[in-house]
Amino acid sequence: MSALILKNIKGSELPDSLLKRIKGQPEQTFMIIPEFKGDESSKQERLFRTMDEVSREAKEKGITPSILEEILNEK
């Protein structure tokens, strides 16, 4: 399952109406992840993206599978 993700998009490159709607500034940088209404797979894609993000952040913090298992098994 692949998702279209646009990274490092300057606010100045977005339509004015969208920039106003998200209360952004032209000098800000954005990551755009389009979703299509009525597409049930978008919920699943959001879940997978969230899981990927959590996994990436855990790896950056040095949390290994064994450390995670210890945390989950704590009583």
PDB file of N, CA and C in Angstrom:
ATOM      1  N   MET A   1       0.843  -1.162   0.000  1.00  0.00           N
ATOM      2  CA  MET A   1       0.000   0.000   0.000  1.00  0.00           C
ATOM      3  C   MET A   1       0.896   1.235   0.000  1.00  0.00           C
ATOM      4  N   SER A   2       0.767   2.038  -1.011  1.00  0.00           N
ATOM      5  CA  SER A   2       1.601   3.231  -1.071  1.00  0.00           C
ATOM      6  C   SER A   2       0.740   4.470  -0.919  1.00  0.00           C
ATOM      7  N   ALA A   3       1.323   5.474  -0.312  1.00  0.00           N
ATOM      8  CA  ALA A   3       0.617   6.736  -0.108  1.00  0.00           C
ATOM      9  C   ALA A   3       1.430   7.852  -0.738  1.00  0.00           C
ATOM     10  N   LEU A   4       0.729   8.825  -1.249  1.00  0.00           N
ATOM     11  CA  LEU A   4       1.383   9.994  -1.815  1.00  0.00           C
ATOM     12  C   LEU A   4       1.714  10.939  -0.672  1.00  0.00           C
ATOM     13  N   ILE A   5       2.983  11.217  -0.475  1.00  0.00           N
ATOM     14  CA  ILE A   5       3.417  12.134   0.573  1.00  0.00           C
ATOM     15  C   ILE A   5       4.315  13.179  -0.070  1.00  0.00           C
ATOM     16  N   LEU A   6       3.934  14.425   0.090  1.00  0.00           N
ATOM     17  CA  LEU A   6       4.721  15.532  -0.446  1.00  0.00           C
ATOM     18  C   LEU A   6       5.439  16.188   0.713  1.00  0.00           C
ATOM     19  N   LYS A   7       6.758  16.126   0.717  1.00  0.00           N
ATOM     20  CA  LYS A   7       7.542  16.661   1.830  1.00  0.00           C
ATOM     21  C   LYS A   7       8.225  17.964   1.429  1.00  0.00           C
ATOM     22  N   ASN A   8       8.492  18.794   2.435  1.00  0.00           N
ATOM     23  CA  ASN A   8       9.222  20.048   2.261  1.00  0.00           C
ATOM     24  C   ASN A   8       8.574  20.983   1.246  1.00  0.00           C
ATOM     25  N   ILE A   9       7.261  21.138   1.370  1.00  0.00           N
ATOM     26  CA  ILE A   9       6.513  22.039   0.495  1.00  0.00           C
ATOM     27  C   ILE A   9       6.428  23.398   1.189  1.00  0.00           C
ATOM     28  N   LYS A  10       6.934  24.423   0.549  1.00  0.00           N
ATOM     29  CA  LYS A  10       6.882  25.776   1.118  1.00  0.00           C
ATOM     30  C   LYS A  10       5.443  26.288   1.065  1.00  0.00           C
ATOM     31  N   GLY A  11       5.060  27.023   2.104  1.00  0.00           N
ATOM     32  CA  GLY A  11       3.729  27.605   2.147  1.00  0.00           C
ATOM     33  C   GLY A  11       3.442  28.477   0.942  1.00  0.00           C
ATOM     34  N   SER A  12       4.480  29.125   0.423  1.00  0.00           N
ATOM     35  CA  SER A  12       4.311  29.989  -0.746  1.00  0.00           C
ATOM     36  C   SER A  12       3.928  29.197  -1.997  1.00  0.00           C
ATOM     37  N   GLU A  13       4.125  27.869  -1.975  1.00  0.00           N
ATOM     38  CA  GLU A  13       3.771  27.023  -3.121  1.00  0.00           C
ATOM     39  C   GLU A  13       2.340  26.496  -3.030  1.00  0.00           C
ATOM     40  N   LEU A  14       1.686  26.698  -1.884  1.00  0.00           N
ATOM     41  CA  LEU A  14       0.320  26.212  -1.691  1.00  0.00           C
ATOM     42  C   LEU A  14      -0.681  27.260  -2.143  1.00  0.00           C
ATOM     43  N   PRO A  15      -1.886  26.821  -2.525  1.00  0.00           N
ATOM     44  CA  PRO A  15      -2.931  27.791  -2.861  1.00  0.00           C
ATOM     45  C   PRO A  15      -3.237  28.667  -1.640  1.00  0.00           C
ATOM     46  N   ASP A  16      -3.497  29.937  -1.866  1.00  0.00           N
ATOM     47  CA  ASP A  16      -3.785  30.869  -0.775  1.00  0.00           C
ATOM     48  C   ASP A  16      -4.926  30.370   0.106  1.00  0.00           C
ATOM     49  N   SER A  17      -5.967  29.795  -0.512  1.00  0.00           N
ATOM     50  CA  SER A  17      -7.120  29.329   0.264  1.00  0.00           C
ATOM     51  C   SER A  17      -6.718  28.225   1.240  1.00  0.00           C
ATOM     52  N   LEU A  18      -5.833  27.326   0.823  1.00  0.00           N
ATOM     53  CA  LEU A  18      -5.371  26.257   1.710  1.00  0.00           C
ATOM     54  C   LEU A  18      -4.486  26.820   2.808  1.00  0.00           C
ATOM     55  N   LEU A  19      -3.607  27.718   2.463  1.00  0.00           N
ATOM     56  CA  LEU A  19      -2.704  28.324   3.440  1.00  0.00           C
ATOM     57  C   LEU A  19      -3.505  29.048   4.528  1.00  0.00           C
ATOM     58  N   LYS A  20      -4.560  29.736   4.131  1.00  0.00           N
ATOM     59  CA  LYS A  20      -5.412  30.420   5.107  1.00  0.00           C
ATOM     60  C   LYS A  20      -6.149  29.403   5.974  1.00  0.00           C
ATOM     61  N   ARG A  21      -6.639  28.340   5.346  1.00  0.00           N
ATOM     62  CA  ARG A  21      -7.407  27.315   6.069  1.00  0.00           C
ATOM     63  C   ARG A  21      -6.573  26.639   7.152  1.00  0.00           C
ATOM     64  N   ILE A  22      -5.303  26.400   6.892  1.00  0.00           N
ATOM     65  CA  ILE A  22      -4.443  25.741   7.872  1.00  0.00           C
ATOM     66  C   ILE A  22      -3.681  26.741   8.735  1.00  0.00           C
ATOM     67  N   LYS A  23      -3.983  28.016   8.524  1.00  0.00           N
ATOM     68  CA  LYS A  23      -3.355  29.101   9.285  1.00  0.00           C
ATOM     69  C   LYS A  23      -1.827  29.030   9.183  1.00  0.00           C
ATOM     70  N   GLY A  24      -1.364  28.800   7.960  1.00  0.00           N
ATOM     71  CA  GLY A  24       0.072  28.711   7.701  1.00  0.00           C
ATOM     72  C   GLY A  24       0.645  30.007   7.187  1.00  0.00           C
ATOM     73  N   GLN A  25       1.953  30.044   7.126  1.00  0.00           N
ATOM     74  CA  GLN A  25       2.680  31.209   6.634  1.00  0.00           C
ATOM     75  C   GLN A  25       3.469  30.804   5.384  1.00  0.00           C
ATOM     76  N   PRO A  26       3.672  31.733   4.452  1.00  0.00           N
ATOM     77  CA  PRO A  26       4.395  31.405   3.217  1.00  0.00           C
ATOM     78  C   PRO A  26       5.807  30.860   3.457  1.00  0.00           C
ATOM     79  N   GLU A  27       6.459  31.281   4.543  1.00  0.00           N
ATOM     80  CA  GLU A  27       7.837  30.839   4.785  1.00  0.00           C
ATOM     81  C   GLU A  27       7.910  29.482   5.486  1.00  0.00           C
ATOM     82  N   GLN A  28       6.774  28.949   5.947  1.00  0.00           N
ATOM     83  CA  GLN A  28       6.767  27.648   6.612  1.00  0.00           C
ATOM     84  C   GLN A  28       6.937  26.522   5.602  1.00  0.00           C
ATOM     85  N   THR A  29       7.422  25.385   6.088  1.00  0.00           N
ATOM     86  CA  THR A  29       7.559  24.186   5.271  1.00  0.00           C
ATOM     87  C   THR A  29       6.556  23.151   5.762  1.00  0.00           C
ATOM     88  N   PHE A  30       5.905  22.459   4.841  1.00  0.00           N
ATOM     89  CA  PHE A  30       4.850  21.512   5.178  1.00  0.00           C
ATOM     90  C   PHE A  30       5.105  20.143   4.566  1.00  0.00           C
ATOM     91  N   MET A  31       4.495  19.120   5.200  1.00  0.00           N
ATOM     92  CA  MET A  31       4.416  17.781   4.620  1.00  0.00           C
ATOM     93  C   MET A  31       2.938  17.564   4.317  1.00  0.00           C
ATOM     94  N   ILE A  32       2.623  17.271   3.079  1.00  0.00           N
ATOM     95  CA  ILE A  32       1.243  17.127   2.634  1.00  0.00           C
ATOM     96  C   ILE A  32       0.962  15.646   2.385  1.00  0.00           C
ATOM     97  N   ILE A  33      -0.106  15.142   3.030  1.00  0.00           N
ATOM     98  CA  ILE A  33      -0.544  13.763   2.825  1.00  0.00           C
ATOM     99  C   ILE A  33      -2.011  13.812   2.413  1.00  0.00           C
ATOM    100  N   PRO A  34      -2.291  13.735   1.116  1.00  0.00           N
ATOM    101  CA  PRO A  34      -3.678  13.831   0.655  1.00  0.00           C
ATOM    102  C   PRO A  34      -4.504  12.617   1.082  1.00  0.00           C
ATOM    103  N   GLU A  35      -5.772  12.869   1.378  1.00  0.00           N
ATOM    104  CA  GLU A  35      -6.726  11.806   1.660  1.00  0.00           C
ATOM    105  C   GLU A  35      -7.922  12.015   0.755  1.00  0.00           C
ATOM    106  N   PHE A  36      -8.537  10.934   0.349  1.00  0.00           N
ATOM    107  CA  PHE A  36      -9.664  11.006  -0.556  1.00  0.00           C
ATOM    108  C   PHE A  36     -10.929  10.610   0.188  1.00  0.00           C
ATOM    109  N   LYS A  37     -11.928  11.494   0.178  1.00  0.00           N
ATOM    110  CA  LYS A  37     -13.177  11.216   0.879  1.00  0.00           C
ATOM    111  C   LYS A  37     -13.818   9.958   0.321  1.00  0.00           C
ATOM    112  N   GLY A  38     -14.394   9.183   1.234  1.00  0.00           N
ATOM    113  CA  GLY A  38     -15.091   7.970   0.820  1.00  0.00           C
ATOM    114  C   GLY A  38     -14.159   6.801   0.577  1.00  0.00           C
ATOM    115  N   ASP A  39     -12.877   7.004   0.733  1.00  0.00           N
ATOM    116  CA  ASP A  39     -11.906   5.934   0.502  1.00  0.00           C
ATOM    117  C   ASP A  39     -11.596   5.280   1.838  1.00  0.00           C
ATOM    118  N   GLU A  40     -12.208   4.114   2.085  1.00  0.00           N
ATOM    119  CA  GLU A  40     -12.014   3.423   3.358  1.00  0.00           C
ATOM    120  C   GLU A  40     -10.569   3.017   3.580  1.00  0.00           C
ATOM    121  N   SER A  41      -9.832   2.817   2.509  1.00  0.00           N
ATOM    122  CA  SER A  41      -8.436   2.418   2.674  1.00  0.00           C
ATOM    123  C   SER A  41      -7.609   3.554   3.274  1.00  0.00           C
ATOM    124  N   SER A  42      -8.129   4.809   3.191  1.00  0.00           N
ATOM    125  CA  SER A  42      -7.366   5.926   3.742  1.00  0.00           C
ATOM    126  C   SER A  42      -7.230   5.802   5.256  1.00  0.00           C
ATOM    127  N   LYS A  43      -8.233   5.250   5.933  1.00  0.00           N
ATOM    128  CA  LYS A  43      -8.143   5.027   7.378  1.00  0.00           C
ATOM    129  C   LYS A  43      -7.029   4.032   7.678  1.00  0.00           C
ATOM    130  N   GLN A  44      -6.985   2.988   6.891  1.00  0.00           N
ATOM    131  CA  GLN A  44      -5.951   1.975   7.081  1.00  0.00           C
ATOM    132  C   GLN A  44      -4.576   2.554   6.762  1.00  0.00           C
ATOM    133  N   GLU A  45      -4.486   3.348   5.714  1.00  0.00           N
ATOM    134  CA  GLU A  45      -3.217   3.979   5.367  1.00  0.00           C
ATOM    135  C   GLU A  45      -2.753   4.912   6.468  1.00  0.00           C
ATOM    136  N   ARG A  46      -3.684   5.672   7.072  1.00  0.00           N
ATOM    137  CA  ARG A  46      -3.319   6.547   8.192  1.00  0.00           C
ATOM    138  C   ARG A  46      -2.782   5.731   9.357  1.00  0.00           C
ATOM    139  N   LEU A  47      -3.422   4.597   9.627  1.00  0.00           N
ATOM    140  CA  LEU A  47      -2.958   3.732  10.708  1.00  0.00           C
ATOM    141  C   LEU A  47      -1.537   3.250  10.427  1.00  0.00           C
ATOM    142  N   PHE A  48      -1.287   2.786   9.201  1.00  0.00           N
ATOM    143  CA  PHE A  48       0.045   2.301   8.850  1.00  0.00           C
ATOM    144  C   PHE A  48       1.079   3.423   8.902  1.00  0.00           C
ATOM    145  N   ARG A  49       0.711   4.623   8.449  1.00  0.00           N
ATOM    146  CA  ARG A  49       1.643   5.755   8.513  1.00  0.00           C
ATOM    147  C   ARG A  49       1.959   6.099   9.965  1.00  0.00           C
ATOM    148  N   THR A  50       0.922   6.066  10.813  1.00  0.00           N
ATOM    149  CA  THR A  50       1.143   6.349  12.236  1.00  0.00           C
ATOM    150  C   THR A  50       2.058   5.305  12.845  1.00  0.00           C
ATOM    151  N   MET A  51       1.824   4.043  12.531  1.00  0.00           N
ATOM    152  CA  MET A  51       2.670   2.972  13.056  1.00  0.00           C
ATOM    153  C   MET A  51       4.111   3.129  12.571  1.00  0.00           C
ATOM    154  N   ASP A  52       4.276   3.489  11.313  1.00  0.00           N
ATOM    155  CA  ASP A  52       5.624   3.714  10.775  1.00  0.00           C
ATOM    156  C   ASP A  52       6.320   4.864  11.486  1.00  0.00           C
ATOM    157  N   GLU A  53       5.580   5.928  11.745  1.00  0.00           N
ATOM    158  CA  GLU A  53       6.148   7.093  12.424  1.00  0.00           C
ATOM    159  C   GLU A  53       6.561   6.749  13.855  1.00  0.00           C
ATOM    160  N   VAL A  54       5.701   6.012  14.569  1.00  0.00           N
ATOM    161  CA  VAL A  54       6.023   5.600  15.939  1.00  0.00           C
ATOM    162  C   VAL A  54       7.259   4.700  15.930  1.00  0.00           C
ATOM    163  N   SER A  55       7.326   3.801  14.984  1.00  0.00           N
ATOM    164  CA  SER A  55       8.481   2.901  14.875  1.00  0.00           C
ATOM    165  C   SER A  55       9.760   3.680  14.603  1.00  0.00           C
ATOM    166  N   ARG A  56       9.679   4.646  13.687  1.00  0.00           N
ATOM    167  CA  ARG A  56      10.859   5.446  13.357  1.00  0.00           C
ATOM    168  C   ARG A  56      11.334   6.229  14.571  1.00  0.00           C
ATOM    169  N   GLU A  57      10.394   6.844  15.295  1.00  0.00           N
ATOM    170  CA  GLU A  57      10.761   7.616  16.475  1.00  0.00           C
ATOM    171  C   GLU A  57      11.355   6.725  17.563  1.00  0.00           C
ATOM    172  N   ALA A  58      10.812   5.528  17.728  1.00  0.00           N
ATOM    173  CA  ALA A  58      11.350   4.594  18.727  1.00  0.00           C
ATOM    174  C   ALA A  58      12.782   4.203  18.371  1.00  0.00           C
ATOM    175  N   LYS A  59      13.022   3.938  17.098  1.00  0.00           N
ATOM    176  CA  LYS A  59      14.382   3.577  16.665  1.00  0.00           C
ATOM    177  C   LYS A  59      15.349   4.730  16.898  1.00  0.00           C
ATOM    178  N   GLU A  60      14.885   5.955  16.617  1.00  0.00           N
ATOM    179  CA  GLU A  60      15.731   7.131  16.843  1.00  0.00           C
ATOM    180  C   GLU A  60      16.094   7.287  18.316  1.00  0.00           C
ATOM    181  N   LYS A  61      15.198   6.852  19.196  1.00  0.00           N
ATOM    182  CA  LYS A  61      15.430   6.961  20.633  1.00  0.00           C
ATOM    183  C   LYS A  61      16.162   5.740  21.203  1.00  0.00           C
ATOM    184  N   GLY A  62      16.498   4.793  20.329  1.00  0.00           N
ATOM    185  CA  GLY A  62      17.263   3.630  20.760  1.00  0.00           C
ATOM    186  C   GLY A  62      16.440   2.519  21.382  1.00  0.00           C
ATOM    187  N   ILE A  63      15.137   2.541  21.160  1.00  0.00           N
ATOM    188  CA  ILE A  63      14.297   1.485  21.714  1.00  0.00           C
ATOM    189  C   ILE A  63      14.354   0.277  20.783  1.00  0.00           C
ATOM    190  N   THR A  64      14.933  -0.795  21.276  1.00  0.00           N
ATOM    191  CA  THR A  64      15.076  -2.031  20.507  1.00  0.00           C
ATOM    192  C   THR A  64      13.867  -2.925  20.758  1.00  0.00           C
ATOM    193  N   PRO A  65      13.651  -3.953  19.930  1.00  0.00           N
ATOM    194  CA  PRO A  65      12.536  -4.871  20.175  1.00  0.00           C
ATOM    195  C   PRO A  65      12.587  -5.506  21.575  1.00  0.00           C
ATOM    196  N   SER A  66      13.780  -5.820  22.068  1.00  0.00           N
ATOM    197  CA  SER A  66      13.862  -6.429  23.397  1.00  0.00           C
ATOM    198  C   SER A  66      13.481  -5.428  24.491  1.00  0.00           C
ATOM    199  N   ILE A  67      13.885  -4.166  24.331  1.00  0.00           N
ATOM    200  CA  ILE A  67      13.493  -3.139  25.305  1.00  0.00           C
ATOM    201  C   ILE A  67      11.979  -2.949  25.266  1.00  0.00           C
ATOM    202  N   LEU A  68      11.408  -2.916  24.077  1.00  0.00           N
ATOM    203  CA  LEU A  68       9.962  -2.766  23.940  1.00  0.00           C
ATOM    204  C   LEU A  68       9.240  -3.934  24.605  1.00  0.00           C
ATOM    205  N   GLU A  69       9.731  -5.126  24.412  1.00  0.00           N
ATOM    206  CA  GLU A  69       9.113  -6.312  25.027  1.00  0.00           C
ATOM    207  C   GLU A  69       9.157  -6.203  26.554  1.00  0.00           C
ATOM    208  N   GLU A  70      10.284  -5.737  27.090  1.00  0.00           N
ATOM    209  CA  GLU A  70      10.390  -5.542  28.541  1.00  0.00           C
ATOM    210  C   GLU A  70       9.353  -4.532  29.029  1.00  0.00           C
ATOM    211  N   ILE A  71       9.216  -3.436  28.301  1.00  0.00           N
ATOM    212  CA  ILE A  71       8.253  -2.401  28.679  1.00  0.00           C
ATOM    213  C   ILE A  71       6.832  -2.954  28.654  1.00  0.00           C
ATOM    214  N   LEU A  72       6.507  -3.698  27.614  1.00  0.00           N
ATOM    215  CA  LEU A  72       5.156  -4.239  27.479  1.00  0.00           C
ATOM    216  C   LEU A  72       4.842  -5.316  28.502  1.00  0.00           C
ATOM    217  N   ASN A  73       5.865  -6.015  28.983  1.00  0.00           N
ATOM    218  CA  ASN A  73       5.666  -7.093  29.949  1.00  0.00           C
ATOM    219  C   ASN A  73       5.742  -6.649  31.399  1.00  0.00           C
ATOM    220  N   GLU A  74       6.009  -5.355  31.642  1.00  0.00           N
ATOM    221  CA  GLU A  74       6.046  -4.850  33.008  1.00  0.00           C
ATOM    222  C   GLU A  74       4.666  -4.953  33.635  1.00  0.00           C
ATOM    223  N   LYS A  75       4.657  -5.263  34.918  1.00  0.00           N
ATOM    224  CA  LYS A  75       3.359  -5.377  35.623  1.00  0.00           C
ATOM    225  C   LYS A  75       3.230  -4.311  36.661  1.00  0.00           C
TER     226      LYS A  75
END
